[in-house]
Amino acid sequence: MDDADKPRDWFEGRRDRDVIRVRLKDGRTLEGSYLPLQGMHFVHVRDGTLMGKVEGPLAAGEVERLTVLKTRQEIEEDLYDKKRGDPVPGTLHRTRDGYEARLDRLARAAAREEDRKRRYQIEQQFHDVADEIMLAQTKRNWLLAVARWAVSRNDEPTKMDLSGGCMVTAAKFQRPRPQDFDPDPKVRRARVPVPEHVKGDPLSTVNMRRAFNDAGFNARVSVLGELTADVANLLVDFPGGKKYGRFAVEGKRGPDGKMEWGYSWEGNCTPTDLRRMRRCQYSEEFKVFHEIVLKGLDAPVLARQDAKAEEGAEEQDETHAHGFR
């Protein structure tokens, strides 16, 4: 057959999911989404049933005319606009402060919106902005949850407040750092050094954690808490493990700018657990623990440990100098 005798290929140039109307030579008309499959041509027709039906495969010689009602690109653009709705008033300035301000504005608008469909549209606008700076999902959750919290409360929420005390839910939240809003990916990935005023404060959050670990305790950040320059929620296990004692140590910066620390027994308050707590409180380790909570890195016990370590190093040097093993 010559090329001139070949039937016209009406499906040439069509993309998957284009909405088309096909008039066949037998008089039937099909209207629906175009579905190509391994060189064959199908039309997904919406006939009022739940799934619709698929007509085909359709040969080129069966088609009398094909009309494109809506291209795939037009469908995707309509869907994009429908998912986002009218833009929330305001301008996005692509700076660190601009991204933070816009995300906060969108989160608060979504939290105050009562219509569920509109709230979903605003959240989509929120995620569009967050995508530009590749903000982690846990930090997006934090911003949205804080905005919902602010609708009915004026105080600053903690991770415990946002999660309701559920450890599984708490893992979904993380407080964003200021550099997380920076448009430069190198700045966002860079490790931020500890401020000098935090380093120099023996009761600062990082120094308190370091003091416990230097004294032989195992201090780590609680799943239900966080560790920042102003707030710390630590779980401290006594030397030897949890069975010898575990306390929740919490610190926050007071109105005067100084860190304030406190602790509570981490247990289930059964008779057995209470006996374990009393036994722990009479131990020498508890005295060290209490001393660190009060003094941090300035605790005298740490100074005594440093002195012993220096003496041990000097004795070892003398032993090697005399040739003893």
Protein backbone atom coordinates (compact mmCIF):
# COMPACT_ATOMS: atom_id res chain seq x y z
CA MET A 1 0.00 0.00 0.00
CA ASP A 2 1.33 3.46 -0.94
CA ASP A 3 1.67 6.15 1.69
CA ALA A 4 -1.06 8.12 -0.09
CA ASP A 5 -3.49 5.20 0.36
CA LYS A 6 -2.81 4.81 4.10
CA PRO A 7 -5.61 6.08 6.39
CA ARG A 8 -4.86 9.23 8.31
CA ASP A 9 -3.55 8.65 11.84
CA TRP A 10 -5.85 10.89 13.85
CA PHE A 11 -4.09 10.00 17.10
CA GLU A 12 -0.69 11.34 16.03
CA GLY A 13 0.56 14.00 18.45
CA ARG A 14 -2.01 13.20 21.13
CA ARG A 15 -0.88 12.77 24.75
CA ASP A 16 -2.09 10.49 27.47
CA ARG A 17 -5.20 11.91 29.21
CA ASP A 18 -6.07 14.43 26.49
CA VAL A 19 -9.86 14.80 26.41
CA ILE A 20 -11.03 14.01 22.87
CA ARG A 21 -14.20 13.43 20.84
CA VAL A 22 -13.91 10.66 18.26
CA ARG A 23 -16.47 10.19 15.50
CA LEU A 24 -16.29 6.71 14.03
CA LYS A 25 -17.23 5.69 10.51
CA ASP A 26 -19.97 3.43 11.85
CA GLY A 27 -21.76 6.51 13.20
CA ARG A 28 -20.79 6.21 16.87
CA THR A 29 -19.26 9.13 18.81
CA LEU A 30 -16.90 8.55 21.74
CA GLU A 31 -15.94 11.29 24.19
CA GLY A 32 -13.44 10.83 26.98
CA SER A 33 -9.77 10.58 27.95
CA TYR A 34 -7.24 9.27 25.44
CA LEU A 35 -5.31 6.19 26.65
CA PRO A 36 -2.39 4.95 24.52
CA LEU A 37 -1.07 1.47 25.29
CA GLN A 38 1.74 -0.23 23.35
CA GLY A 39 0.89 1.48 20.07
CA MET A 40 -2.87 0.92 20.46
CA HIS A 41 -5.47 3.61 21.03
CA PHE A 42 -8.25 3.56 23.64
CA VAL A 43 -10.80 6.06 24.91
CA HIS A 44 -11.94 6.06 28.54
CA VAL A 45 -15.61 7.05 28.35
CA ARG A 46 -17.52 8.40 31.36
CA ASP A 47 -20.94 6.78 31.00
CA GLY A 48 -22.36 7.55 34.43
CA THR A 49 -21.10 4.41 36.10
CA LEU A 50 -18.50 4.41 38.89
CA MET A 51 -15.53 3.35 36.73
CA GLY A 52 -16.79 4.21 33.25
CA LYS A 53 -15.79 2.03 30.33
CA VAL A 54 -12.88 1.78 27.93
CA GLU A 55 -13.51 1.65 24.17
CA GLY A 56 -10.88 0.21 21.86
CA PRO A 57 -8.45 -0.54 20.54
CA LEU A 58 -9.38 1.85 17.72
CA ALA A 59 -7.72 1.42 14.33
CA ALA A 60 -6.83 4.44 12.26
CA GLY A 61 -9.21 3.32 9.52
CA GLU A 62 -12.19 3.35 11.90
CA VAL A 63 -11.91 7.06 12.74
CA GLU A 64 -13.70 9.63 10.61
CA ARG A 65 -12.82 12.69 12.72
CA LEU A 66 -11.07 13.48 16.02
CA THR A 67 -11.54 16.71 17.98
CA VAL A 68 -9.40 17.75 20.94
CA LEU A 69 -11.62 19.18 23.67
CA LYS A 70 -8.90 19.81 26.26
CA THR A 71 -5.21 19.00 26.27
CA ARG A 72 -3.43 17.31 29.15
CA GLN A 73 -1.53 20.52 29.90
CA GLU A 74 -4.76 22.50 30.15
CA ILE A 75 -6.23 19.86 32.50
CA GLU A 76 -3.16 20.01 34.75
CA GLU A 77 -3.27 23.81 34.84
CA ASP A 78 -6.97 23.78 35.77
CA LEU A 79 -6.31 21.21 38.48
CA TYR A 80 -3.39 23.25 39.82
CA ASP A 81 -5.54 26.39 40.08
CA LYS A 82 -8.46 24.48 41.56
CA LYS A 83 -6.28 22.95 44.30
CA ARG A 84 -4.99 26.37 45.38
CA GLY A 85 -7.96 28.68 44.87
CA ASP A 86 -7.59 32.44 45.27
CA PRO A 87 -4.15 33.50 46.54
CA VAL A 88 -3.95 34.65 50.14
CA PRO A 89 -3.22 38.42 50.16
CA GLY A 90 0.41 39.33 50.61
CA THR A 91 3.70 39.31 48.74
CA LEU A 92 6.48 36.76 48.96
CA HIS A 93 9.89 38.40 49.35
CA ARG A 94 12.48 35.75 48.59
CA THR A 95 14.71 36.49 51.56
CA ARG A 96 15.13 34.67 54.89
CA ASP A 97 12.69 37.00 56.67
CA GLY A 98 10.39 37.06 53.65
CA TYR A 99 9.98 33.29 53.49
CA GLU A 100 9.41 33.03 57.24
CA ALA A 101 6.83 35.84 57.22
CA ARG A 102 4.93 34.40 54.25
CA LEU A 103 4.82 30.88 55.67
CA ASP A 104 3.62 32.24 59.00
CA ARG A 105 0.92 34.29 57.20
CA LEU A 106 -0.32 31.27 55.23
CA ALA A 107 -0.25 28.96 58.27
CA ARG A 108 -2.31 31.41 60.32
CA ALA A 109 -4.77 31.93 57.46
CA ALA A 110 -5.26 28.16 57.15
CA ALA A 111 -5.72 27.79 60.92
CA ARG A 112 -8.46 30.46 61.01
CA GLU A 113 -10.31 29.16 57.94
CA GLU A 114 -13.46 27.25 58.87
CA ASP A 115 -14.31 25.93 55.39
CA ARG A 116 -12.45 22.66 54.93
CA LYS A 117 -12.04 22.98 51.17
CA ARG A 118 -10.67 26.50 51.41
CA ARG A 119 -8.34 25.48 54.26
CA TYR A 120 -6.92 22.74 52.03
CA GLN A 121 -6.34 25.29 49.25
CA ILE A 122 -4.44 27.62 51.59
CA GLU A 123 -2.32 24.73 52.86
CA GLN A 124 -1.40 23.95 49.25
CA GLN A 125 -0.20 27.55 48.87
CA PHE A 126 1.78 27.06 52.09
CA HIS A 127 3.47 23.93 50.71
CA ASP A 128 4.28 25.70 47.41
CA VAL A 129 6.30 28.31 49.33
CA ALA A 130 7.88 25.68 51.58
CA ASP A 131 8.92 23.69 48.50
CA GLU A 132 11.00 26.63 47.27
CA ILE A 133 13.30 26.37 50.30
CA MET A 134 12.89 22.56 50.63
CA LEU A 135 11.57 22.86 54.18
CA ALA A 136 11.35 19.47 55.90
CA GLN A 137 7.88 18.01 56.46
CA THR A 138 8.39 17.88 60.24
CA LYS A 139 9.12 21.62 60.28
CA ARG A 140 6.09 22.36 58.11
CA ASN A 141 3.99 20.39 60.60
CA TRP A 142 5.42 22.53 63.39
CA LEU A 143 4.47 25.83 61.69
CA LEU A 144 0.94 24.66 60.89
CA ALA A 145 0.41 23.23 64.39
CA VAL A 146 1.71 26.39 66.11
CA ALA A 147 -0.69 28.48 64.01
CA ARG A 148 -3.62 26.28 65.08
CA TRP A 149 -2.47 26.57 68.69
CA ALA A 150 -2.39 30.39 68.45
CA VAL A 151 -6.06 30.52 67.46
CA SER A 152 -7.16 29.83 71.05
CA ARG A 153 -4.01 30.46 73.13
CA ASN A 154 -1.45 33.21 73.60
CA ASP A 155 1.41 31.22 75.17
CA GLU A 156 4.24 29.62 73.22
CA PRO A 157 3.56 25.89 72.72
CA THR A 158 6.06 23.15 73.41
CA LYS A 159 6.54 19.91 71.56
CA MET A 160 4.61 18.20 74.34
CA ASP A 161 1.69 20.58 73.79
CA LEU A 162 1.59 20.02 70.04
CA SER A 163 1.84 16.23 70.27
CA GLY A 164 -0.55 15.77 73.18
CA GLY A 165 2.07 13.65 74.97
CA CYS A 166 2.10 10.99 72.23
CA MET A 167 5.63 9.88 71.35
CA VAL A 168 4.61 8.78 67.84
CA THR A 169 3.02 12.16 67.10
CA ALA A 170 5.96 14.04 68.66
CA ALA A 171 8.32 12.53 66.08
CA LYS A 172 6.37 14.40 63.38
CA PHE A 173 7.26 17.84 64.78
CA GLN A 174 10.52 19.74 64.75
CA ARG A 175 11.04 23.42 65.45
CA PRO A 176 12.55 25.21 62.39
CA ARG A 177 15.87 27.00 62.80
CA PRO A 178 16.22 30.60 61.50
CA GLN A 179 18.57 29.44 58.72
CA ASP A 180 15.95 26.93 57.47
CA PHE A 181 14.18 29.88 55.81
CA ASP A 182 17.26 31.10 53.95
CA PRO A 183 16.95 30.94 50.13
CA ASP A 184 20.58 29.80 49.80
CA PRO A 185 20.79 25.97 50.14
CA LYS A 186 24.41 26.21 51.34
CA VAL A 187 23.34 28.38 54.25
CA ARG A 188 20.50 26.01 55.10
CA ARG A 189 22.83 22.99 55.16
CA ALA A 190 25.66 24.73 57.04
CA ARG A 191 26.28 23.80 60.63
CA VAL A 192 25.58 26.79 62.86
CA PRO A 193 28.16 27.29 65.64
CA VAL A 194 26.98 27.60 69.23
CA PRO A 195 26.77 31.30 70.22
CA GLU A 196 29.50 32.54 72.52
CA HIS A 197 27.09 33.55 75.28
CA VAL A 198 25.76 29.97 75.29
CA LYS A 199 29.25 28.48 75.37
CA GLY A 200 30.26 30.69 78.26
CA ASP A 201 27.20 29.98 80.40
CA PRO A 202 27.78 26.89 82.61
CA LEU A 203 23.99 26.46 82.89
CA SER A 204 23.28 26.68 79.16
CA THR A 205 21.43 23.84 77.47
CA VAL A 206 24.44 22.40 75.64
CA ASN A 207 26.72 22.73 78.67
CA MET A 208 24.20 21.08 80.98
CA ARG A 209 23.96 18.08 78.67
CA ARG A 210 27.75 17.95 78.41
CA ALA A 211 28.10 18.14 82.20
CA PHE A 212 25.87 15.11 82.72
CA ASN A 213 27.71 13.06 80.10
CA ASP A 214 31.12 14.06 81.47
CA ALA A 215 30.02 12.87 84.93
CA GLY A 216 29.13 9.42 83.60
CA PHE A 217 25.39 9.90 83.12
CA ASN A 218 23.61 9.31 79.82
CA ALA A 219 21.82 12.55 78.88
CA ARG A 220 19.84 12.75 75.66
CA VAL A 221 17.03 14.84 74.22
CA SER A 222 13.57 13.53 75.02
CA VAL A 223 11.39 12.46 72.09
CA LEU A 224 8.66 14.68 73.54
CA GLY A 225 11.04 17.62 73.94
CA GLU A 226 13.71 19.61 72.14
CA LEU A 227 17.11 21.21 72.64
CA THR A 228 17.63 24.85 71.67
CA ALA A 229 19.61 27.73 73.13
CA ASP A 230 16.63 28.66 75.35
CA VAL A 231 14.81 25.37 75.99
CA ALA A 232 15.95 21.84 76.84
CA ASN A 233 14.08 18.64 77.64
CA LEU A 234 16.53 15.93 78.63
CA LEU A 235 16.23 12.35 79.80
CA VAL A 236 19.11 11.49 82.14
CA ASP A 237 19.92 7.86 82.93
CA PHE A 238 22.14 7.14 85.91
CA PRO A 239 25.44 5.25 85.44
CA GLY A 240 24.58 1.61 84.82
CA GLY A 241 21.31 2.29 83.00
CA LYS A 242 17.69 3.18 83.62
CA LYS A 243 17.28 0.57 86.38
CA TYR A 244 19.50 2.68 88.64
CA GLY A 245 17.55 5.87 88.02
CA ARG A 246 16.09 8.06 85.27
CA PHE A 247 15.05 11.69 85.62
CA ALA A 248 13.46 14.17 83.24
CA VAL A 249 15.51 17.37 83.36
CA GLU A 250 13.91 20.51 81.94
CA GLY A 251 15.40 23.93 81.47
CA LYS A 252 14.17 27.22 80.06
CA ARG A 253 15.41 30.79 79.94
CA GLY A 254 13.69 32.97 82.51
CA PRO A 255 12.58 36.61 82.22
CA ASP A 256 15.98 37.75 83.54
CA GLY A 257 17.77 35.91 80.72
CA LYS A 258 19.19 33.19 82.99
CA MET A 259 18.57 29.48 82.54
CA GLU A 260 16.28 27.86 85.10
CA TRP A 261 16.49 24.08 85.63
CA GLY A 262 14.33 21.49 87.35
CA TYR A 263 13.92 17.72 87.35
CA SER A 264 11.31 15.05 88.05
CA TRP A 265 11.36 11.28 88.45
CA GLU A 266 10.70 9.46 85.19
CA GLY A 267 8.66 6.44 86.23
CA ASN A 268 5.22 4.91 86.53
CA CYS A 269 4.76 5.50 90.30
CA THR A 270 4.06 1.85 91.16
CA PRO A 271 5.18 0.67 94.65
CA THR A 272 8.20 -1.04 93.08
CA ASP A 273 9.08 2.07 91.10
CA LEU A 274 8.72 4.33 94.13
CA ARG A 275 11.09 2.10 96.13
CA ARG A 276 13.56 2.35 93.28
CA MET A 277 13.22 6.14 93.33
CA ARG A 278 13.89 6.34 97.10
CA ARG A 279 16.89 4.03 96.76
CA CYS A 280 18.19 6.23 93.97
CA GLN A 281 17.74 9.44 95.99
CA TYR A 282 19.94 8.06 98.80
CA SER A 283 22.76 7.12 96.42
CA GLU A 284 26.01 9.00 95.85
CA GLU A 285 25.12 9.35 92.16
CA PHE A 286 22.03 11.35 93.08
CA LYS A 287 24.16 13.84 95.01
CA VAL A 288 26.28 14.30 91.89
CA PHE A 289 23.15 14.61 89.76
CA HIS A 290 21.65 17.28 92.03
CA GLU A 291 24.94 19.16 92.11
CA ILE A 292 25.07 19.29 88.30
CA VAL A 293 21.47 20.54 88.04
CA LEU A 294 22.40 23.44 90.34
CA LYS A 295 25.83 24.31 88.92
CA GLY A 296 26.07 22.82 85.42
CA LEU A 297 29.63 22.77 84.14
CA ASP A 298 30.74 24.61 87.30
CA ALA A 299 29.75 21.67 89.48
CA PRO A 300 32.61 20.87 91.94
CA VAL A 301 32.34 17.16 91.11
CA LEU A 302 33.47 17.86 87.55
CA ALA A 303 36.43 19.87 88.81
CA ARG A 304 37.41 16.95 91.07
CA GLN A 305 37.16 14.54 88.15
CA ASP A 306 39.37 16.79 86.01
CA ALA A 307 41.95 16.95 88.82
CA LYS A 308 41.97 13.16 89.15
CA ALA A 309 42.35 12.78 85.41
CA GLU A 310 45.34 15.14 85.40
CA GLU A 311 46.95 13.25 88.30
CA GLY A 312 46.43 9.96 86.49
CA ALA A 313 48.01 11.35 83.35
CA GLU A 314 51.04 12.61 85.31
CA GLU A 315 51.51 9.22 87.02
CA GLN A 316 51.30 7.47 83.66
CA ASP A 317 53.93 9.82 82.22
CA GLU A 318 56.26 9.11 85.17
CA THR A 319 55.74 5.35 84.77
CA HIS A 320 56.69 5.48 81.09
CA ALA A 321 59.65 7.69 81.90
CA HIS A 322 61.03 5.04 84.29
CA GLY A 323 60.44 2.25 81.83
CA PHE A 324 57.75 0.41 83.81
CA ARG A 325 54.85 -1.32 82.09
